[in-house]
Protein backbone atom coordinates (compact mmCIF):
# COMPACT_ATOMS: atom_id res chain seq x y z
CA MET A 1 -31.37 -14.47 1.45
CA SER A 2 -32.37 -16.49 4.53
CA ILE A 3 -31.74 -15.41 8.11
CA LYS A 4 -29.47 -18.41 8.51
CA LYS A 5 -27.19 -17.30 5.65
CA ILE A 6 -27.08 -13.74 6.96
CA ARG A 7 -26.04 -14.98 10.39
CA ALA A 8 -23.40 -17.22 8.83
CA GLY A 9 -22.06 -14.26 6.84
CA MET A 10 -21.93 -12.03 9.91
CA SER A 11 -20.19 -14.78 11.87
CA LEU A 12 -17.56 -15.10 9.14
CA PHE A 13 -17.09 -11.33 9.05
CA LYS A 14 -16.58 -11.29 12.84
CA GLN A 15 -14.06 -14.13 12.51
CA ALA A 16 -12.16 -12.12 9.89
CA LEU A 17 -11.96 -9.13 12.24
CA VAL A 18 -11.01 -11.11 15.34
CA GLY A 19 -8.67 -13.54 13.58
CA SER A 20 -7.59 -17.02 14.60
CA SER A 21 -4.26 -18.83 14.64
CA SER A 22 -5.95 -22.19 14.04
CA ILE A 23 -7.09 -21.55 10.45
CA ASN A 24 -5.27 -23.55 7.76
CA TYR A 25 -5.38 -21.57 4.51
CA THR A 26 -4.00 -24.46 2.47
CA GLU A 27 -7.14 -26.52 2.99
CA GLY A 28 -10.89 -26.10 2.68
CA SER A 29 -12.84 -23.43 0.85
CA ILE A 30 -10.76 -20.98 -1.19
CA ALA A 31 -13.59 -18.44 -1.02
CA LYS A 32 -13.66 -18.58 2.79
CA ALA A 33 -9.87 -18.31 3.05
CA THR A 34 -9.88 -15.30 0.72
CA PHE A 35 -12.63 -13.57 2.69
CA LEU A 36 -10.94 -14.12 6.06
CA LEU A 37 -7.71 -12.59 4.75
CA ALA A 38 -9.13 -9.87 2.49
CA VAL A 39 -11.46 -8.15 5.01
CA PRO A 40 -8.74 -7.16 7.52
CA MET A 41 -6.32 -6.34 4.67
CA ILE A 42 -8.83 -3.92 3.13
CA LEU A 43 -9.33 -2.22 6.49
CA GLU A 44 -5.57 -2.19 7.10
CA MET A 45 -4.97 -0.33 3.81
CA ALA A 46 -7.74 2.13 4.61
CA MET A 47 -6.18 2.80 8.03
CA GLU A 48 -2.73 3.43 6.51
CA SER A 49 -4.16 6.02 4.12
CA VAL A 50 -5.82 7.87 7.01
CA PHE A 51 -2.55 9.13 8.54
CA ALA A 52 -1.76 11.74 5.88
CA ILE A 53 -5.40 12.81 5.59
CA VAL A 54 -5.69 13.42 9.34
CA ASP A 55 -2.45 15.44 9.47
CA ILE A 56 -3.51 17.62 6.52
CA PHE A 57 -6.98 18.11 8.04
CA PHE A 58 -5.74 19.43 11.38
CA VAL A 59 -2.69 21.29 10.04
CA ALA A 60 -4.84 23.18 7.49
CA GLY A 61 -5.89 25.62 10.23
CA LEU A 62 -2.28 26.79 10.57
CA GLY A 63 -2.16 28.17 7.02
CA PRO A 64 -0.71 27.28 3.62
CA GLN A 65 2.91 27.11 4.79
CA ALA A 66 2.10 24.37 7.30
CA VAL A 67 0.13 22.46 4.66
CA ALA A 68 3.05 22.83 2.24
CA THR A 69 5.38 21.38 4.88
CA VAL A 70 3.20 18.30 5.33
CA GLY A 71 2.69 17.91 1.57
CA LEU A 72 6.38 18.19 0.69
CA THR A 73 7.36 15.87 3.53
CA GLU A 74 4.79 13.32 2.35
CA ALA A 75 6.37 13.47 -1.12
CA VAL A 76 9.77 12.67 0.42
CA MET A 77 8.24 9.92 2.56
CA THR A 78 6.98 8.25 -0.62
CA LEU A 79 10.54 7.02 -1.14
CA LEU A 80 10.53 5.52 2.35
CA TYR A 81 7.15 3.92 1.68
CA ALA A 82 8.60 2.37 -1.48
CA VAL A 83 11.40 0.77 0.54
CA ALA A 84 9.08 -0.32 3.36
CA ILE A 85 6.53 -1.82 0.96
CA GLY A 86 9.28 -3.59 -0.98
CA LEU A 87 10.78 -5.06 2.19
CA SER A 88 7.32 -6.17 3.28
CA MET A 89 6.80 -8.05 -0.01
CA GLY A 90 9.91 -10.16 0.55
CA THR A 91 9.00 -10.72 4.18
CA THR A 92 5.45 -11.85 3.41
CA ALA A 93 6.68 -14.24 0.72
CA MET A 94 9.27 -15.90 2.94
CA VAL A 95 7.09 -16.14 6.06
CA ALA A 96 4.13 -17.48 4.05
CA ARG A 97 6.32 -20.13 2.43
CA ARG A 98 7.64 -21.35 5.80
CA ILE A 99 4.12 -21.42 7.31
CA GLY A 100 2.91 -23.41 4.31
CA GLU A 101 5.74 -25.87 4.93
CA ASP A 102 4.35 -26.24 8.48
CA ASN A 103 7.60 -24.85 9.86
CA PRO A 104 6.64 -22.01 12.23
CA VAL A 105 10.12 -22.04 13.79
CA ALA A 106 11.72 -21.17 10.43
CA ALA A 107 8.97 -18.59 9.83
CA ALA A 108 9.79 -16.92 13.16
CA PHE A 109 13.49 -16.90 12.30
CA ALA A 110 12.74 -15.25 8.95
CA ALA A 111 10.65 -12.68 10.83
CA GLY A 112 13.55 -11.98 13.20
CA GLN A 113 15.91 -11.38 10.28
CA ALA A 114 13.36 -9.09 8.65
CA LEU A 115 13.44 -6.95 11.80
CA TRP A 116 17.18 -6.47 11.30
CA MET A 117 16.46 -5.21 7.80
CA GLY A 118 14.11 -2.69 9.33
CA ILE A 119 16.78 -1.58 11.82
CA PHE A 120 19.37 -1.02 9.04
CA VAL A 121 16.96 1.01 6.89
CA SER A 122 15.58 3.02 9.83
CA LEU A 123 19.05 3.98 11.08
CA PHE A 124 20.12 5.19 7.65
CA VAL A 125 16.96 7.23 7.02
CA GLY A 126 16.93 8.55 10.60
CA VAL A 127 20.51 9.81 10.50
CA VAL A 128 20.06 11.47 7.10
CA GLY A 129 16.76 13.02 8.17
CA PHE A 130 18.12 14.35 11.46
CA PHE A 131 21.13 16.13 9.99
CA TYR A 132 19.77 17.19 6.59
CA ALA A 133 16.08 17.94 7.22
CA GLY A 134 16.24 21.58 6.15
CA LYS A 135 18.29 20.82 3.05
CA ILE A 136 15.79 18.13 2.02
CA LEU A 137 12.90 20.62 2.23
CA ALA A 138 14.90 23.18 0.22
CA LEU A 139 15.73 20.52 -2.37
CA MET A 140 12.00 19.88 -2.75
CA GLY A 141 11.54 23.54 -3.74
CA ALA A 142 10.15 24.79 -0.42
CA GLU A 143 10.09 28.54 0.17
CA ALA A 144 12.39 29.99 2.84
CA ALA A 145 9.50 30.42 5.28
CA VAL A 146 8.45 26.79 4.82
CA VAL A 147 12.01 25.58 5.40
CA GLU A 148 12.27 27.65 8.57
CA GLY A 149 8.92 26.55 9.98
CA GLY A 150 8.92 22.97 8.73
CA THR A 151 12.45 21.71 9.46
CA ASN A 152 11.47 20.31 12.87
CA TYR A 153 8.47 18.53 11.32
CA ILE A 154 10.42 16.70 8.62
CA GLN A 155 13.30 16.06 11.05
CA ILE A 156 10.96 14.28 13.48
CA MET A 157 9.19 12.37 10.69
CA LEU A 158 12.42 11.07 9.15
CA SER A 159 14.19 10.45 12.47
CA GLY A 160 11.14 8.46 13.55
CA SER A 161 11.04 6.51 10.30
CA PHE A 162 11.44 3.27 12.23
CA THR A 163 7.75 3.52 13.17
CA ILE A 164 6.77 3.42 9.49
CA VAL A 165 9.26 0.72 8.53
CA PHE A 166 8.31 -1.56 11.40
CA LEU A 167 4.58 -1.05 10.94
CA PHE A 168 4.95 -2.31 7.37
CA LEU A 169 7.42 -5.09 8.22
CA ASN A 170 5.55 -6.45 11.22
CA ASN A 171 2.26 -6.37 9.34
CA ALA A 172 3.96 -8.21 6.48
CA ILE A 173 4.95 -10.92 8.96
CA PHE A 174 1.39 -11.22 10.23
CA ARG A 175 -0.03 -11.29 6.69
CA GLY A 176 2.42 -13.99 5.63
CA ALA A 177 1.44 -16.03 8.67
CA GLY A 178 -2.26 -15.50 7.96
CA ASP A 179 -2.83 -13.25 11.00
CA ALA A 180 -4.08 -10.30 8.97
CA SER A 181 -6.48 -9.18 11.71
CA ILE A 182 -3.54 -8.22 13.97
CA ALA A 183 -2.12 -6.05 11.20
CA MET A 184 -5.48 -4.30 10.91
CA ARG A 185 -5.86 -3.76 14.66
CA SER A 186 -2.35 -2.32 15.04
CA LEU A 187 -3.12 0.38 12.47
CA LEU A 188 -6.54 1.04 14.00
CA LEU A 189 -4.83 1.64 17.36
CA ALA A 190 -2.12 3.84 15.80
CA ASN A 191 -4.69 5.94 13.93
CA GLY A 192 -6.90 6.35 16.96
CA ILE A 193 -4.02 7.75 19.01
CA ASN A 194 -2.94 10.03 16.15
CA ILE A 195 -6.46 11.42 15.70
CA VAL A 196 -6.71 12.26 19.41
CA LEU A 197 -3.20 13.70 19.80
CA ASP A 198 -3.04 15.69 16.54
CA PRO A 199 -5.31 18.62 17.56
CA CYS A 200 -4.01 18.52 21.14
CA LEU A 201 -0.33 18.90 20.17
CA ILE A 202 -0.86 21.17 17.15
CA TYR A 203 -3.06 23.74 18.93
CA GLY A 204 -2.13 23.17 22.58
CA VAL A 205 -5.46 21.84 23.81
CA GLY A 206 -5.71 21.60 27.61
CA PRO A 207 -2.42 20.62 29.28
CA PHE A 208 -0.70 19.86 25.96
CA PRO A 209 1.93 22.26 24.55
CA ASP A 210 1.16 24.37 21.45
CA MET A 211 3.65 22.85 18.98
CA GLY A 212 2.15 23.92 15.66
CA VAL A 213 2.99 21.75 12.67
CA THR A 214 5.69 20.00 14.72
CA GLY A 215 2.92 18.63 16.93
CA ALA A 216 1.53 16.69 13.97
CA ALA A 217 4.85 14.89 13.55
CA VAL A 218 5.04 14.08 17.27
CA ALA A 219 1.44 12.80 17.34
CA THR A 220 1.95 10.65 14.25
CA ASN A 221 5.13 9.08 15.59
CA ILE A 222 3.59 8.40 19.00
CA GLY A 223 0.58 6.75 17.35
CA ARG A 224 2.70 4.64 15.03
CA GLY A 225 5.13 3.84 17.84
CA VAL A 226 2.35 2.46 20.03
CA GLY A 227 1.13 0.45 17.03
CA VAL A 228 4.61 -1.06 16.65
CA LEU A 229 4.74 -1.98 20.36
CA TYR A 230 1.34 -3.66 19.98
CA GLN A 231 2.69 -5.66 17.03
CA LEU A 232 5.86 -6.70 18.88
CA TRP A 233 3.79 -7.87 21.84
CA TYR A 234 1.82 -10.17 19.55
CA LEU A 235 4.99 -11.34 17.77
CA CYS A 236 6.30 -12.59 21.10
CA ALA A 237 2.97 -14.07 22.24
CA SER A 238 2.84 -17.84 22.66
CA ASN A 239 -0.63 -18.37 21.20
CA ARG A 240 -0.02 -17.13 17.64
CA ARG A 241 1.24 -18.76 14.45
CA ILE A 242 4.60 -17.07 14.96
CA GLN A 243 6.34 -16.74 18.33
CA LEU A 244 9.50 -14.66 18.23
CA VAL A 245 12.24 -15.68 20.68
CA LEU A 246 15.75 -14.30 21.28
CA GLN A 247 17.37 -16.94 19.06
CA ASP A 248 15.41 -15.58 16.10
CA LEU A 249 17.29 -12.28 16.43
CA VAL A 250 20.72 -13.85 15.98
CA VAL A 251 21.95 -12.32 12.73
CA LYS A 252 22.23 -14.68 9.77
CA MET A 253 23.37 -12.72 6.74
CA SER A 254 22.35 -15.40 4.22
CA VAL A 255 18.70 -15.04 5.24
CA ILE A 256 18.88 -11.24 5.39
CA LEU A 257 20.47 -11.11 1.93
CA ALA A 258 17.79 -13.47 0.59
CA LEU A 259 15.11 -11.16 1.98
CA PHE A 260 16.82 -8.13 0.43
CA ARG A 261 17.07 -9.96 -2.90
CA ILE A 262 13.33 -10.69 -2.98
CA SER A 263 12.49 -7.24 -1.66
CA ALA A 264 14.57 -5.41 -4.27
CA GLY A 265 11.99 -6.22 -6.92
CA GLY A 266 9.20 -4.98 -4.67
CA ILE A 267 10.96 -1.67 -4.07
CA ALA A 268 11.58 -1.29 -7.80
CA GLN A 269 7.92 -2.06 -8.59
CA PHE A 270 6.68 0.77 -6.41
CA LEU A 271 9.31 3.30 -7.53
CA ILE A 272 8.76 2.56 -11.22
CA ALA A 273 5.00 2.97 -10.94
CA THR A 274 5.25 6.09 -8.77
CA ALA A 275 7.76 7.77 -11.08
CA SER A 276 5.53 7.19 -14.11
CA TRP A 277 2.55 8.80 -12.35
CA VAL A 278 4.72 11.82 -11.50
CA PHE A 279 5.56 12.19 -15.20
CA LEU A 280 1.88 11.98 -16.15
CA MET A 281 1.04 14.67 -13.60
CA ARG A 282 3.70 16.88 -15.19
CA LEU A 283 2.02 16.50 -18.60
CA VAL A 284 -1.39 17.33 -17.14
CA SER A 285 -0.04 20.39 -15.31
CA ASP A 286 0.79 22.04 -18.65
CA HIS A 287 -2.95 22.51 -19.18
CA GLY A 288 -3.79 24.52 -16.08
CA SER A 289 -5.01 24.12 -12.51
CA ASP A 290 -8.48 22.92 -13.50
CA ALA A 291 -6.98 19.96 -15.35
CA VAL A 292 -4.70 19.15 -12.42
CA ALA A 293 -7.57 19.45 -9.92
CA GLY A 294 -9.92 17.26 -11.93
CA TYR A 295 -7.25 14.65 -12.60
CA THR A 296 -6.09 14.61 -8.95
CA ILE A 297 -9.61 14.17 -7.61
CA ALA A 298 -10.33 11.42 -10.13
CA LEU A 299 -7.16 9.58 -9.04
CA ARG A 300 -8.07 9.90 -5.35
CA ILE A 301 -11.55 8.53 -6.07
CA MET A 302 -10.05 5.68 -8.05
CA MET A 303 -7.57 4.79 -5.30
CA PHE A 304 -10.35 4.80 -2.69
CA THR A 305 -12.76 2.68 -4.71
CA ILE A 306 -10.17 0.00 -5.53
CA LEU A 307 -9.20 -0.59 -1.88
CA PRO A 308 -11.36 -3.77 -1.72
CA ALA A 309 -9.68 -4.96 -4.92
CA TRP A 310 -6.26 -4.39 -3.38
CA GLY A 311 -7.35 -6.27 -0.27
CA LEU A 312 -8.35 -9.26 -2.38
CA SER A 313 -5.08 -9.05 -4.31
CA ASN A 314 -3.00 -8.92 -1.13
CA ALA A 315 -4.82 -11.99 0.15
CA VAL A 316 -3.60 -13.80 -2.97
CA ALA A 317 0.03 -13.16 -2.00
CA THR A 318 -0.45 -14.94 1.33
CA LEU A 319 -2.48 -17.79 -0.14
CA VAL A 320 -0.03 -18.43 -2.99
CA GLY A 321 2.96 -18.36 -0.65
CA GLN A 322 1.44 -20.74 1.88
CA ASN A 323 0.12 -23.16 -0.73
CA LEU A 324 3.45 -23.31 -2.53
CA GLY A 325 5.09 -24.00 0.83
CA ALA A 326 2.62 -26.84 1.36
CA GLU A 327 3.49 -28.10 -2.16
CA LYS A 328 -0.10 -27.55 -3.28
CA VAL A 329 0.74 -25.85 -6.55
CA GLN A 330 -2.60 -26.59 -8.18
CA ARG A 331 -4.49 -25.08 -5.26
CA ALA A 332 -2.27 -21.99 -5.46
CA GLU A 333 -3.10 -21.57 -9.15
CA SER A 334 -6.81 -22.22 -8.61
CA THR A 335 -6.81 -19.59 -5.87
CA VAL A 336 -5.44 -16.97 -8.25
CA TRP A 337 -8.10 -17.60 -10.91
CA GLN A 338 -10.92 -17.72 -8.36
CA VAL A 339 -9.89 -14.46 -6.67
CA ALA A 340 -9.43 -12.87 -10.11
CA LYS A 341 -13.11 -13.61 -10.81
CA TYR A 342 -14.14 -11.94 -7.55
CA ASN A 343 -11.95 -8.95 -8.34
CA VAL A 344 -13.30 -8.56 -11.87
CA ALA A 345 -16.89 -8.72 -10.59
CA TYR A 346 -16.21 -5.99 -8.04
CA MET A 347 -14.27 -3.74 -10.41
CA VAL A 348 -16.90 -4.03 -13.15
CA LEU A 349 -19.53 -2.96 -10.62
CA VAL A 350 -17.40 0.05 -9.65
CA SER A 351 -16.82 0.96 -13.30
CA LEU A 352 -20.57 0.97 -13.92
CA VAL A 353 -20.99 3.47 -11.09
CA MET A 354 -18.19 5.60 -12.51
CA LEU A 355 -19.81 5.58 -15.93
CA THR A 356 -23.32 6.26 -14.64
CA VAL A 357 -22.95 9.06 -12.08
CA PRO A 358 -19.46 10.60 -12.45
CA GLN A 359 -20.73 14.19 -12.15
CA SER A 360 -22.41 13.48 -8.83
CA ILE A 361 -19.23 11.94 -7.47
CA MET A 362 -17.06 14.86 -8.64
CA HIS A 363 -19.46 17.40 -7.14
CA LEU A 364 -18.71 15.96 -3.70
CA PHE A 365 -15.20 17.41 -4.05
CA THR A 366 -15.46 20.50 -6.27
CA GLN A 367 -18.03 22.71 -7.96
CA GLU A 368 -15.65 24.22 -10.53
CA PRO A 369 -17.21 23.34 -13.93
CA ALA A 370 -13.92 22.87 -15.79
CA ALA A 371 -12.35 20.75 -13.02
CA VAL A 372 -15.52 18.66 -12.78
CA GLN A 373 -15.50 17.98 -16.53
CA TYR A 374 -11.83 16.93 -16.53
CA GLY A 375 -12.48 14.66 -13.55
CA VAL A 376 -15.57 13.13 -15.17
CA ASP A 377 -13.65 12.39 -18.37
CA ALA A 378 -10.74 10.89 -16.43
CA MET A 379 -13.01 8.67 -14.35
CA ARG A 380 -14.90 7.40 -17.38
CA ILE A 381 -11.82 6.65 -19.48
CA MET A 382 -9.95 4.93 -16.64
CA SER A 383 -13.01 2.90 -15.66
CA TYR A 384 -13.04 1.25 -19.10
CA ALA A 385 -9.88 -0.60 -18.00
CA TYR A 386 -11.11 -1.69 -14.56
CA ALA A 387 -11.73 -5.32 -15.49
CA PHE A 388 -8.20 -5.65 -16.87
CA MET A 389 -6.82 -3.80 -13.86
CA ALA A 390 -8.59 -6.27 -11.56
CA VAL A 391 -6.85 -9.24 -13.17
CA GLY A 392 -3.49 -7.47 -13.36
CA MET A 393 -3.55 -6.66 -9.64
CA VAL A 394 -4.20 -10.29 -8.72
CA VAL A 395 -1.52 -11.88 -10.91
CA VAL A 396 1.08 -9.31 -9.81
CA GLN A 397 0.43 -10.17 -6.17
CA ALA A 398 0.53 -13.86 -7.05
CA PHE A 399 4.08 -13.36 -8.36
CA ASN A 400 5.02 -11.40 -5.24
CA GLY A 401 3.55 -14.05 -2.95
CA ALA A 402 5.57 -16.70 -4.75
CA GLY A 403 8.72 -14.65 -4.12
CA ASP A 404 9.12 -13.67 -7.78
CA THR A 405 9.15 -9.90 -7.36
CA MET A 406 11.28 -9.22 -10.45
CA THR A 407 8.67 -10.39 -12.99
CA PRO A 408 6.15 -7.70 -11.91
CA THR A 409 9.01 -5.19 -11.94
CA TRP A 410 9.77 -5.87 -15.61
CA ILE A 411 6.06 -5.85 -16.42
CA ASN A 412 5.86 -2.40 -14.78
CA VAL A 413 8.84 -1.17 -16.79
CA PHE A 414 7.23 -2.34 -20.02
CA CYS A 415 3.67 -1.19 -19.37
CA TYR A 416 4.41 2.11 -17.64
CA TRP A 417 7.65 3.39 -19.15
CA ILE A 418 7.98 1.73 -22.55
CA VAL A 419 4.27 2.10 -23.37
CA GLN A 420 2.33 4.44 -21.05
CA VAL A 421 4.74 7.39 -20.80
CA PRO A 422 5.50 7.65 -24.57
CA VAL A 423 1.81 7.18 -25.44
CA ALA A 424 0.81 9.88 -22.93
CA TRP A 425 3.36 12.31 -24.38
CA TRP A 426 2.40 11.50 -28.00
CA LEU A 427 -1.36 11.75 -27.47
CA SER A 428 -1.28 14.84 -25.27
CA THR A 429 1.31 16.87 -27.21
CA GLN A 430 1.63 15.55 -30.74
CA LEU A 431 -2.06 14.82 -31.30
CA ASP A 432 -3.16 17.81 -29.19
CA MET A 433 -5.42 15.71 -26.98
CA GLY A 434 -4.15 17.48 -23.87
CA PRO A 435 -5.05 15.83 -20.52
CA HIS A 436 -7.33 13.39 -22.33
CA GLY A 437 -4.25 11.90 -23.97
CA VAL A 438 -2.91 11.18 -20.49
CA PHE A 439 -6.22 9.61 -19.45
CA TRP A 440 -6.19 7.30 -22.48
CA SER A 441 -2.55 6.33 -21.84
CA ILE A 442 -3.63 5.06 -18.41
CA PHE A 443 -6.34 2.99 -20.08
CA VAL A 444 -3.81 1.52 -22.53
CA ALA A 445 -1.27 0.70 -19.81
CA GLU A 446 -3.77 -0.99 -17.47
CA VAL A 447 -5.27 -3.11 -20.26
CA LEU A 448 -1.76 -4.13 -21.27
CA MET A 449 -0.84 -4.85 -17.65
CA GLY A 450 -3.74 -7.30 -17.36
CA ILE A 451 -2.95 -9.06 -20.66
CA VAL A 452 0.83 -9.31 -20.14
CA GLY A 453 0.40 -10.32 -16.50
CA VAL A 454 -1.94 -13.19 -17.34
CA TRP A 455 0.26 -14.33 -20.22
CA TRP A 456 3.36 -14.43 -18.03
CA PHE A 457 1.48 -16.04 -15.16
CA MET A 458 0.28 -18.85 -17.43
CA ARG A 459 3.88 -19.63 -18.35
CA GLY A 460 4.15 -21.06 -14.83
CA SER A 461 7.71 -20.04 -13.88
CA TRP A 462 6.41 -18.74 -10.53
CA LYS A 463 5.56 -22.31 -9.48
CA THR A 464 9.22 -23.23 -9.08
CA GLN A 465 10.41 -19.99 -7.46
CA LYS A 466 12.75 -20.69 -4.54
CA VAL A 467 12.32 -18.63 -1.38
């Protein structure tokens, strides 16, 4: 590779990180457009996953009860994430469509109505969390000591849920507009503040109070809150694709209901997939802690390694939405197939690594022989489906970007609940395959997801989806 090409690549990478409101994603090179959107989206996803890891890391020094509080609260927050992610899907689709139509005023109005959705959801979750925090922990099976010591933590996390909802919603607005770099930078800022404040507020470093596990909740909400303020400042800036003004906040129920309608499918997608994984974990848990440990580590490795694939897939949602808005249906379809090729190439490369050195990867996390073997087997079996998973991820996001969130929802119902769950139960219990039956059910479901997704995508109904 020549020095000139390297410099060009570095320049493009810098442009992806800095961002620009002058880029038109409905024209020019599809590869360049995908790269400029995917890089910040990959980093954004990585930053979002850091929050829980940082809290667990610093809270671990307080003992198992504090860790249990964070873990159980995170399980409850999964429901909030499902709602926030679903709302963000509808928001991205509508904003992207308006930007593609070269109507930034309508895009800003859609963004303003999306903020009202966030207010409604945040108020509901905040009120419930404030008054029923202890009961929620008890409902999750927490011991009495955990309920007593962790009520303030979950109360603050749920009462401050607006920081999570608005981080997702505002970033969805930026992604739909093609300003993915702002979304990335807001999470980088939020994480940086959280990382600094966490040890200070948990252990009372210097002038800070010693708040224990409650300090983690305060630090996280301050970090996310600053990130939201950063986003709102850019939403109101005059030099971006979207400029929010007071008129955009005048409530128009028809637009809000349209956003909720599109978002409902997104919420259902996440809940359906999450619930199926919970059921699979229950099947694995019948075979002991080594099986659970190996399977859990393998899943965490898988989720980390597919972050670039998710970034590419999320870029598709923006590109499809904007190109449909610009009435460039053929370009939207070509974008999907081209990004699918990139995704398959990356995922095949990852699967080769998984198949070649799985023991070395597992040994980074545990030295327990039985857990390592379960993890190795899980990684190998799941990696066989990576190419199909790569295509499935892209077409699902293409549907979401077009505003057709219900098609992926029904695909999830079919692949995960009608096929995966029964197959996992049958293989693991009736054929006595144990955890390996669960691993193979994941392979079956992901292969099916890729095949069904492509088949439905080629039918073309997404091309005429109204948003």
